[in-house]
N, C-alpha and C. Protein backbone atom coordinates (compact mmCIF):
# COMPACT_ATOMS: atom_id res chain seq x y z
N UNK A 1 10.16 2.72 26.22
CA UNK A 1 11.54 2.80 25.78
C UNK A 1 12.09 4.20 25.98
N UNK A 2 11.26 5.18 25.63
CA UNK A 2 11.71 6.57 25.79
C UNK A 2 11.88 6.89 27.27
N UNK A 3 10.94 6.44 28.09
CA UNK A 3 11.05 6.67 29.53
C UNK A 3 12.30 5.98 30.09
N UNK A 4 12.58 4.80 29.59
CA UNK A 4 13.79 4.09 30.01
C UNK A 4 15.04 4.86 29.65
N UNK A 5 15.05 5.48 28.47
CA UNK A 5 16.21 6.29 28.07
C UNK A 5 16.36 7.51 28.97
N UNK A 6 15.23 8.14 29.33
CA UNK A 6 15.29 9.30 30.21
C UNK A 6 15.80 8.95 31.60
N UNK A 7 15.39 7.81 32.13
CA UNK A 7 15.73 7.46 33.51
C UNK A 7 17.00 6.64 33.63
N UNK A 8 17.60 6.27 32.52
CA UNK A 8 18.79 5.44 32.55
C UNK A 8 20.01 6.24 33.01
N UNK A 9 20.81 5.63 33.87
CA UNK A 9 22.07 6.25 34.27
C UNK A 9 23.10 6.14 33.15
N UNK A 10 22.95 5.12 32.32
CA UNK A 10 23.91 4.87 31.24
C UNK A 10 23.66 5.80 30.05
N UNK A 11 22.38 5.98 29.64
CA UNK A 11 22.07 6.78 28.46
C UNK A 11 21.91 8.25 28.80
N UNK A 12 21.02 8.57 29.71
CA UNK A 12 20.86 9.95 30.15
C UNK A 12 19.84 10.74 29.36
N UNK A 13 19.78 12.01 29.70
CA UNK A 13 18.78 12.93 29.16
C UNK A 13 18.92 13.15 27.65
N UNK A 14 20.13 13.21 27.14
CA UNK A 14 20.34 13.46 25.70
C UNK A 14 19.70 12.39 24.83
N UNK A 15 19.91 11.12 25.17
CA UNK A 15 19.31 10.04 24.40
C UNK A 15 17.79 10.04 24.56
N UNK A 16 17.30 10.39 25.74
CA UNK A 16 15.86 10.47 25.95
C UNK A 16 15.23 11.54 25.08
N UNK A 17 15.88 12.70 24.99
CA UNK A 17 15.37 13.78 24.15
C UNK A 17 15.38 13.37 22.68
N UNK A 18 16.45 12.72 22.25
CA UNK A 18 16.53 12.29 20.86
C UNK A 18 15.46 11.24 20.55
N UNK A 19 15.22 10.32 21.48
CA UNK A 19 14.20 9.30 21.28
C UNK A 19 12.82 9.94 21.21
N UNK A 20 12.53 10.87 22.11
CA UNK A 20 11.23 11.55 22.11
C UNK A 20 11.06 12.36 20.83
N UNK A 21 12.10 13.04 20.38
CA UNK A 21 12.04 13.80 19.15
C UNK A 21 11.77 12.89 17.95
N UNK A 22 12.39 11.71 17.94
CA UNK A 22 12.14 10.75 16.87
C UNK A 22 10.70 10.28 16.85
N UNK A 23 10.12 10.05 18.02
CA UNK A 23 8.71 9.63 18.08
C UNK A 23 7.82 10.75 17.57
N UNK A 24 8.07 11.97 17.99
CA UNK A 24 7.24 13.11 17.58
C UNK A 24 7.35 13.36 16.08
N UNK A 25 8.57 13.38 15.55
CA UNK A 25 8.74 13.60 14.11
C UNK A 25 8.15 12.46 13.29
N UNK A 26 8.28 11.23 13.78
CA UNK A 26 7.68 10.09 13.09
C UNK A 26 6.17 10.20 13.03
N UNK A 27 5.55 10.63 14.13
CA UNK A 27 4.10 10.80 14.15
C UNK A 27 3.66 11.91 13.19
N UNK A 28 4.40 13.00 13.16
CA UNK A 28 4.06 14.11 12.25
C UNK A 28 4.17 13.64 10.80
N UNK A 29 5.23 12.91 10.49
CA UNK A 29 5.41 12.42 9.12
C UNK A 29 4.28 11.47 8.74
N UNK A 30 3.92 10.54 9.63
CA UNK A 30 2.87 9.58 9.32
C UNK A 30 1.51 10.27 9.14
N UNK A 31 1.22 11.26 9.98
CA UNK A 31 -0.04 11.99 9.83
C UNK A 31 -0.07 12.76 8.50
N UNK A 32 1.04 13.40 8.15
CA UNK A 32 1.11 14.13 6.88
C UNK A 32 0.95 13.17 5.70
N UNK A 33 1.65 12.04 5.75
CA UNK A 33 1.55 11.07 4.66
C UNK A 33 0.14 10.52 4.54
N UNK A 34 -0.50 10.20 5.67
CA UNK A 34 -1.86 9.68 5.64
C UNK A 34 -2.81 10.71 5.05
N UNK A 35 -2.66 11.97 5.43
CA UNK A 35 -3.52 13.02 4.88
C UNK A 35 -3.33 13.15 3.37
N UNK A 36 -2.10 13.06 2.91
CA UNK A 36 -1.84 13.18 1.47
C UNK A 36 -2.40 11.99 0.70
N UNK A 37 -2.21 10.79 1.25
CA UNK A 37 -2.65 9.58 0.55
C UNK A 37 -4.17 9.45 0.59
N UNK A 38 -4.77 9.65 1.76
CA UNK A 38 -6.19 9.40 1.93
C UNK A 38 -7.06 10.57 1.45
N UNK A 39 -6.60 11.79 1.62
CA UNK A 39 -7.45 12.94 1.34
C UNK A 39 -6.88 13.86 0.27
N UNK A 40 -5.81 13.44 -0.39
CA UNK A 40 -5.22 14.27 -1.43
C UNK A 40 -6.00 14.19 -2.72
N UNK A 41 -5.57 14.90 -3.75
CA UNK A 41 -6.29 14.88 -5.03
C UNK A 41 -6.17 13.52 -5.71
N UNK A 42 -7.21 13.14 -6.44
CA UNK A 42 -7.21 11.88 -7.17
C UNK A 42 -6.30 12.01 -8.38
N UNK A 43 -5.37 11.12 -8.53
CA UNK A 43 -4.43 11.16 -9.64
C UNK A 43 -4.62 9.90 -10.48
N UNK A 44 -4.63 10.07 -11.78
CA UNK A 44 -4.79 8.96 -12.70
C UNK A 44 -3.44 8.56 -13.25
N UNK A 45 -3.18 7.27 -13.36
CA UNK A 45 -1.90 6.83 -13.92
C UNK A 45 -1.72 7.31 -15.37
N UNK A 46 -0.54 7.79 -15.71
CA UNK A 46 -0.23 8.19 -17.07
C UNK A 46 -0.75 9.55 -17.47
N UNK A 47 -1.30 10.31 -16.54
CA UNK A 47 -1.78 11.64 -16.89
C UNK A 47 -1.06 12.67 -16.03
N UNK A 48 -1.19 13.94 -16.41
CA UNK A 48 -0.56 15.01 -15.63
C UNK A 48 -1.56 15.63 -14.67
N UNK A 49 -2.61 14.86 -14.31
CA UNK A 49 -3.64 15.27 -13.36
C UNK A 49 -4.48 16.43 -13.89
N UNK A 50 -4.61 16.53 -15.22
CA UNK A 50 -5.51 17.52 -15.79
C UNK A 50 -4.94 18.91 -15.93
N UNK A 51 -3.65 19.10 -15.77
CA UNK A 51 -3.04 20.43 -15.89
C UNK A 51 -2.00 20.40 -16.98
N UNK A 52 -1.86 21.54 -17.67
CA UNK A 52 -0.89 21.60 -18.76
C UNK A 52 0.45 22.17 -18.34
N UNK A 53 0.68 22.33 -17.07
CA UNK A 53 1.96 22.83 -16.61
C UNK A 53 1.91 24.29 -16.23
N UNK A 54 0.92 25.06 -16.75
CA UNK A 54 0.81 26.47 -16.41
C UNK A 54 -0.38 26.73 -15.50
N UNK A 55 -0.96 25.70 -14.97
CA UNK A 55 -2.09 25.87 -14.06
C UNK A 55 -3.43 25.87 -14.77
N UNK A 56 -3.45 25.86 -16.09
CA UNK A 56 -4.72 25.84 -16.82
C UNK A 56 -5.14 24.40 -17.05
N UNK A 57 -6.44 24.17 -17.11
CA UNK A 57 -6.96 22.83 -17.30
C UNK A 57 -6.75 22.42 -18.75
N UNK A 58 -6.20 21.25 -18.95
CA UNK A 58 -5.96 20.75 -20.30
C UNK A 58 -7.27 20.28 -20.91
N UNK A 59 -7.34 20.27 -22.24
CA UNK A 59 -8.56 19.91 -22.93
C UNK A 59 -8.77 18.42 -23.10
N UNK A 60 -7.84 17.59 -22.68
CA UNK A 60 -8.01 16.16 -22.91
C UNK A 60 -8.90 15.54 -21.84
N UNK A 61 -9.49 14.41 -22.19
CA UNK A 61 -10.40 13.72 -21.26
C UNK A 61 -9.59 12.92 -20.24
N UNK A 62 -10.17 12.76 -19.06
CA UNK A 62 -9.53 11.94 -18.03
C UNK A 62 -9.66 10.47 -18.38
N UNK A 63 -8.67 9.70 -17.99
CA UNK A 63 -8.74 8.26 -18.15
C UNK A 63 -9.61 7.70 -17.05
N UNK A 64 -10.43 6.74 -17.40
CA UNK A 64 -11.24 6.09 -16.36
C UNK A 64 -10.32 5.18 -15.54
N UNK A 65 -10.37 5.34 -14.24
CA UNK A 65 -9.52 4.54 -13.37
C UNK A 65 -10.39 3.65 -12.50
N UNK A 66 -10.13 2.37 -12.56
CA UNK A 66 -10.83 1.45 -11.66
C UNK A 66 -10.17 1.57 -10.30
N UNK A 67 -10.99 1.69 -9.27
CA UNK A 67 -10.46 1.88 -7.93
C UNK A 67 -9.69 0.66 -7.47
N UNK A 68 -10.29 -0.53 -7.59
CA UNK A 68 -9.63 -1.76 -7.18
C UNK A 68 -9.82 -2.81 -8.26
N UNK A 69 -8.77 -3.58 -8.49
CA UNK A 69 -8.89 -4.66 -9.47
C UNK A 69 -9.52 -5.88 -8.78
N UNK A 70 -9.87 -6.86 -9.57
CA UNK A 70 -10.45 -8.09 -9.02
C UNK A 70 -9.48 -8.80 -8.08
N UNK A 71 -8.20 -8.79 -8.42
CA UNK A 71 -7.19 -9.42 -7.57
C UNK A 71 -7.11 -8.74 -6.21
N UNK A 72 -7.14 -7.39 -6.21
CA UNK A 72 -7.09 -6.65 -4.95
C UNK A 72 -8.34 -6.90 -4.12
N UNK A 73 -9.50 -6.97 -4.77
CA UNK A 73 -10.74 -7.27 -4.05
C UNK A 73 -10.70 -8.67 -3.47
N UNK A 74 -10.12 -9.61 -4.21
CA UNK A 74 -10.01 -10.98 -3.73
C UNK A 74 -9.13 -11.10 -2.49
N UNK A 75 -8.19 -10.19 -2.34
CA UNK A 75 -7.33 -10.19 -1.15
C UNK A 75 -7.99 -9.41 -0.02
N UNK A 76 -8.58 -8.28 -0.33
CA UNK A 76 -9.12 -7.40 0.71
C UNK A 76 -10.43 -7.91 1.33
N UNK A 77 -11.28 -8.56 0.57
CA UNK A 77 -12.56 -9.02 1.12
C UNK A 77 -12.35 -10.04 2.24
N UNK A 78 -11.52 -11.08 2.07
CA UNK A 78 -11.30 -12.00 3.20
C UNK A 78 -10.66 -11.32 4.41
N UNK A 79 -9.76 -10.36 4.18
CA UNK A 79 -9.16 -9.64 5.31
C UNK A 79 -10.20 -8.81 6.05
N UNK A 80 -11.08 -8.14 5.30
CA UNK A 80 -12.13 -7.34 5.94
C UNK A 80 -13.09 -8.23 6.71
N UNK A 81 -13.46 -9.37 6.14
CA UNK A 81 -14.34 -10.29 6.85
C UNK A 81 -13.69 -10.83 8.11
N UNK A 82 -12.40 -11.15 8.05
CA UNK A 82 -11.69 -11.63 9.23
C UNK A 82 -11.66 -10.56 10.32
N UNK A 83 -11.45 -9.31 9.95
CA UNK A 83 -11.47 -8.21 10.93
C UNK A 83 -12.83 -8.09 11.59
N UNK A 84 -13.89 -8.21 10.81
CA UNK A 84 -15.25 -8.12 11.36
C UNK A 84 -15.53 -9.29 12.30
N UNK A 85 -15.15 -10.50 11.88
CA UNK A 85 -15.39 -11.67 12.73
C UNK A 85 -14.62 -11.56 14.03
N UNK A 86 -13.36 -11.16 13.99
CA UNK A 86 -12.57 -11.02 15.21
C UNK A 86 -13.15 -9.92 16.10
N UNK A 87 -13.67 -8.86 15.51
CA UNK A 87 -14.26 -7.79 16.30
C UNK A 87 -15.58 -8.18 16.93
N UNK A 88 -16.38 -8.98 16.23
CA UNK A 88 -17.70 -9.36 16.73
C UNK A 88 -17.63 -10.58 17.64
N UNK A 89 -16.81 -11.56 17.30
CA UNK A 89 -16.71 -12.80 18.07
C UNK A 89 -15.25 -13.04 18.46
N UNK A 90 -14.68 -12.25 19.37
CA UNK A 90 -13.27 -12.43 19.71
C UNK A 90 -13.00 -13.71 20.50
N UNK A 91 -14.03 -14.28 21.13
CA UNK A 91 -13.84 -15.49 21.94
C UNK A 91 -13.31 -16.66 21.15
N UNK A 92 -13.66 -16.77 19.89
CA UNK A 92 -13.19 -17.90 19.07
C UNK A 92 -11.67 -17.89 18.97
N UNK A 93 -11.06 -16.73 18.85
CA UNK A 93 -9.61 -16.62 18.78
C UNK A 93 -9.00 -16.75 20.17
N UNK A 94 -9.62 -16.06 21.14
CA UNK A 94 -9.06 -16.06 22.49
C UNK A 94 -9.11 -17.45 23.12
N UNK A 95 -10.13 -18.25 22.80
CA UNK A 95 -10.21 -19.60 23.35
C UNK A 95 -9.04 -20.47 22.90
N UNK A 96 -8.52 -20.24 21.71
CA UNK A 96 -7.39 -21.03 21.24
C UNK A 96 -6.10 -20.67 21.97
N UNK A 97 -6.04 -19.45 22.53
CA UNK A 97 -4.84 -19.02 23.25
C UNK A 97 -4.91 -19.32 24.74
N UNK A 98 -6.09 -19.64 25.25
CA UNK A 98 -6.29 -19.79 26.67
C UNK A 98 -5.34 -20.82 27.32
N UNK A 99 -5.14 -22.03 26.76
CA UNK A 99 -4.23 -22.98 27.43
C UNK A 99 -2.80 -22.45 27.58
N UNK A 100 -2.30 -21.78 26.58
CA UNK A 100 -0.94 -21.24 26.67
C UNK A 100 -0.86 -20.12 27.69
N UNK A 101 -1.88 -19.27 27.74
CA UNK A 101 -1.89 -18.17 28.70
C UNK A 101 -1.97 -18.72 30.12
N UNK A 102 -2.81 -19.72 30.33
CA UNK A 102 -2.92 -20.32 31.67
C UNK A 102 -1.61 -20.98 32.08
N UNK A 103 -0.92 -21.60 31.15
CA UNK A 103 0.37 -22.20 31.46
C UNK A 103 1.38 -21.15 31.91
N UNK A 104 1.40 -20.02 31.24
CA UNK A 104 2.31 -18.93 31.62
C UNK A 104 1.91 -18.36 32.98
N UNK A 105 0.62 -18.26 33.24
CA UNK A 105 0.16 -17.72 34.52
C UNK A 105 0.52 -18.64 35.69
N UNK A 106 0.60 -19.95 35.45
CA UNK A 106 0.90 -20.90 36.53
C UNK A 106 2.37 -20.97 36.88
N UNK A 107 3.23 -20.49 36.03
CA UNK A 107 4.67 -20.56 36.28
C UNK A 107 4.99 -19.73 37.52
N UNK A 108 5.64 -20.38 38.48
CA UNK A 108 6.00 -19.70 39.73
C UNK A 108 7.31 -18.96 39.55
N UNK A 109 7.45 -17.80 40.18
CA UNK A 109 8.72 -17.09 40.08
C UNK A 109 9.84 -17.85 40.77
N UNK A 110 11.02 -17.68 40.30
CA UNK A 110 12.19 -18.34 40.88
C UNK A 110 12.45 -17.71 42.25
N UNK A 111 12.60 -18.54 43.28
CA UNK A 111 12.86 -17.95 44.61
C UNK A 111 14.23 -17.29 44.64
N UNK A 112 14.28 -16.21 45.37
CA UNK A 112 15.55 -15.50 45.50
C UNK A 112 16.39 -16.17 46.58
N UNK A 113 17.67 -16.14 46.40
CA UNK A 113 18.60 -16.74 47.36
C UNK A 113 18.97 -15.68 48.38
N UNK A 114 18.84 -16.04 49.64
CA UNK A 114 19.21 -15.11 50.71
C UNK A 114 20.72 -14.95 50.72
N UNK A 115 21.21 -13.72 50.89
CA UNK A 115 22.65 -13.52 50.95
C UNK A 115 23.24 -14.18 52.21
N UNK A 116 24.41 -14.72 52.05
CA UNK A 116 25.10 -15.36 53.17
C UNK A 116 25.75 -14.29 54.03
N UNK A 117 25.47 -14.34 55.33
CA UNK A 117 26.07 -13.36 56.23
C UNK A 117 27.34 -13.94 56.83
N UNK A 118 28.30 -13.10 56.99
CA UNK A 118 29.56 -13.53 57.61
C UNK A 118 29.33 -13.71 59.09
N UNK A 119 29.80 -14.81 59.62
CA UNK A 119 29.64 -15.11 61.04
C UNK A 119 31.02 -15.06 61.69
N UNK A 120 31.10 -14.29 62.73
CA UNK A 120 32.39 -14.22 63.44
C UNK A 120 32.59 -15.49 64.25
N UNK A 121 33.72 -16.12 64.06
CA UNK A 121 34.04 -17.33 64.81
C UNK A 121 34.76 -16.97 66.10
N UNK A 122 34.27 -17.50 67.18
CA UNK A 122 34.98 -17.23 68.45
C UNK A 122 36.02 -18.31 68.66
N UNK A 123 37.14 -17.91 69.18
CA UNK A 123 38.23 -18.85 69.36
C UNK A 123 38.25 -19.41 70.72
């Protein structure tokens, strides 16, 4: 899409630069967000993360936080198993798509019509 914007006579270089900038900024944002979510400090619901506001550690005990509830495990385990099965035995899924793919592969392209040439009529 970005390459199409760069090479388009209608859109031009400005739209291509804006599209490329959007892709780059989006990637930076997603990497930053992933780092914060996956590798940031562990925060417990309803607490101030162990600080009293002045940077000193508060004297109260941390709340025990369960990582995943039973409902979340019930949803994630079948999804994880499906990912493993598709990764180990992809043929089971691909075999179901084979008839449709073969049908698309057999479709012949539409023949192009030759342009009509003007013929000079002799009188």
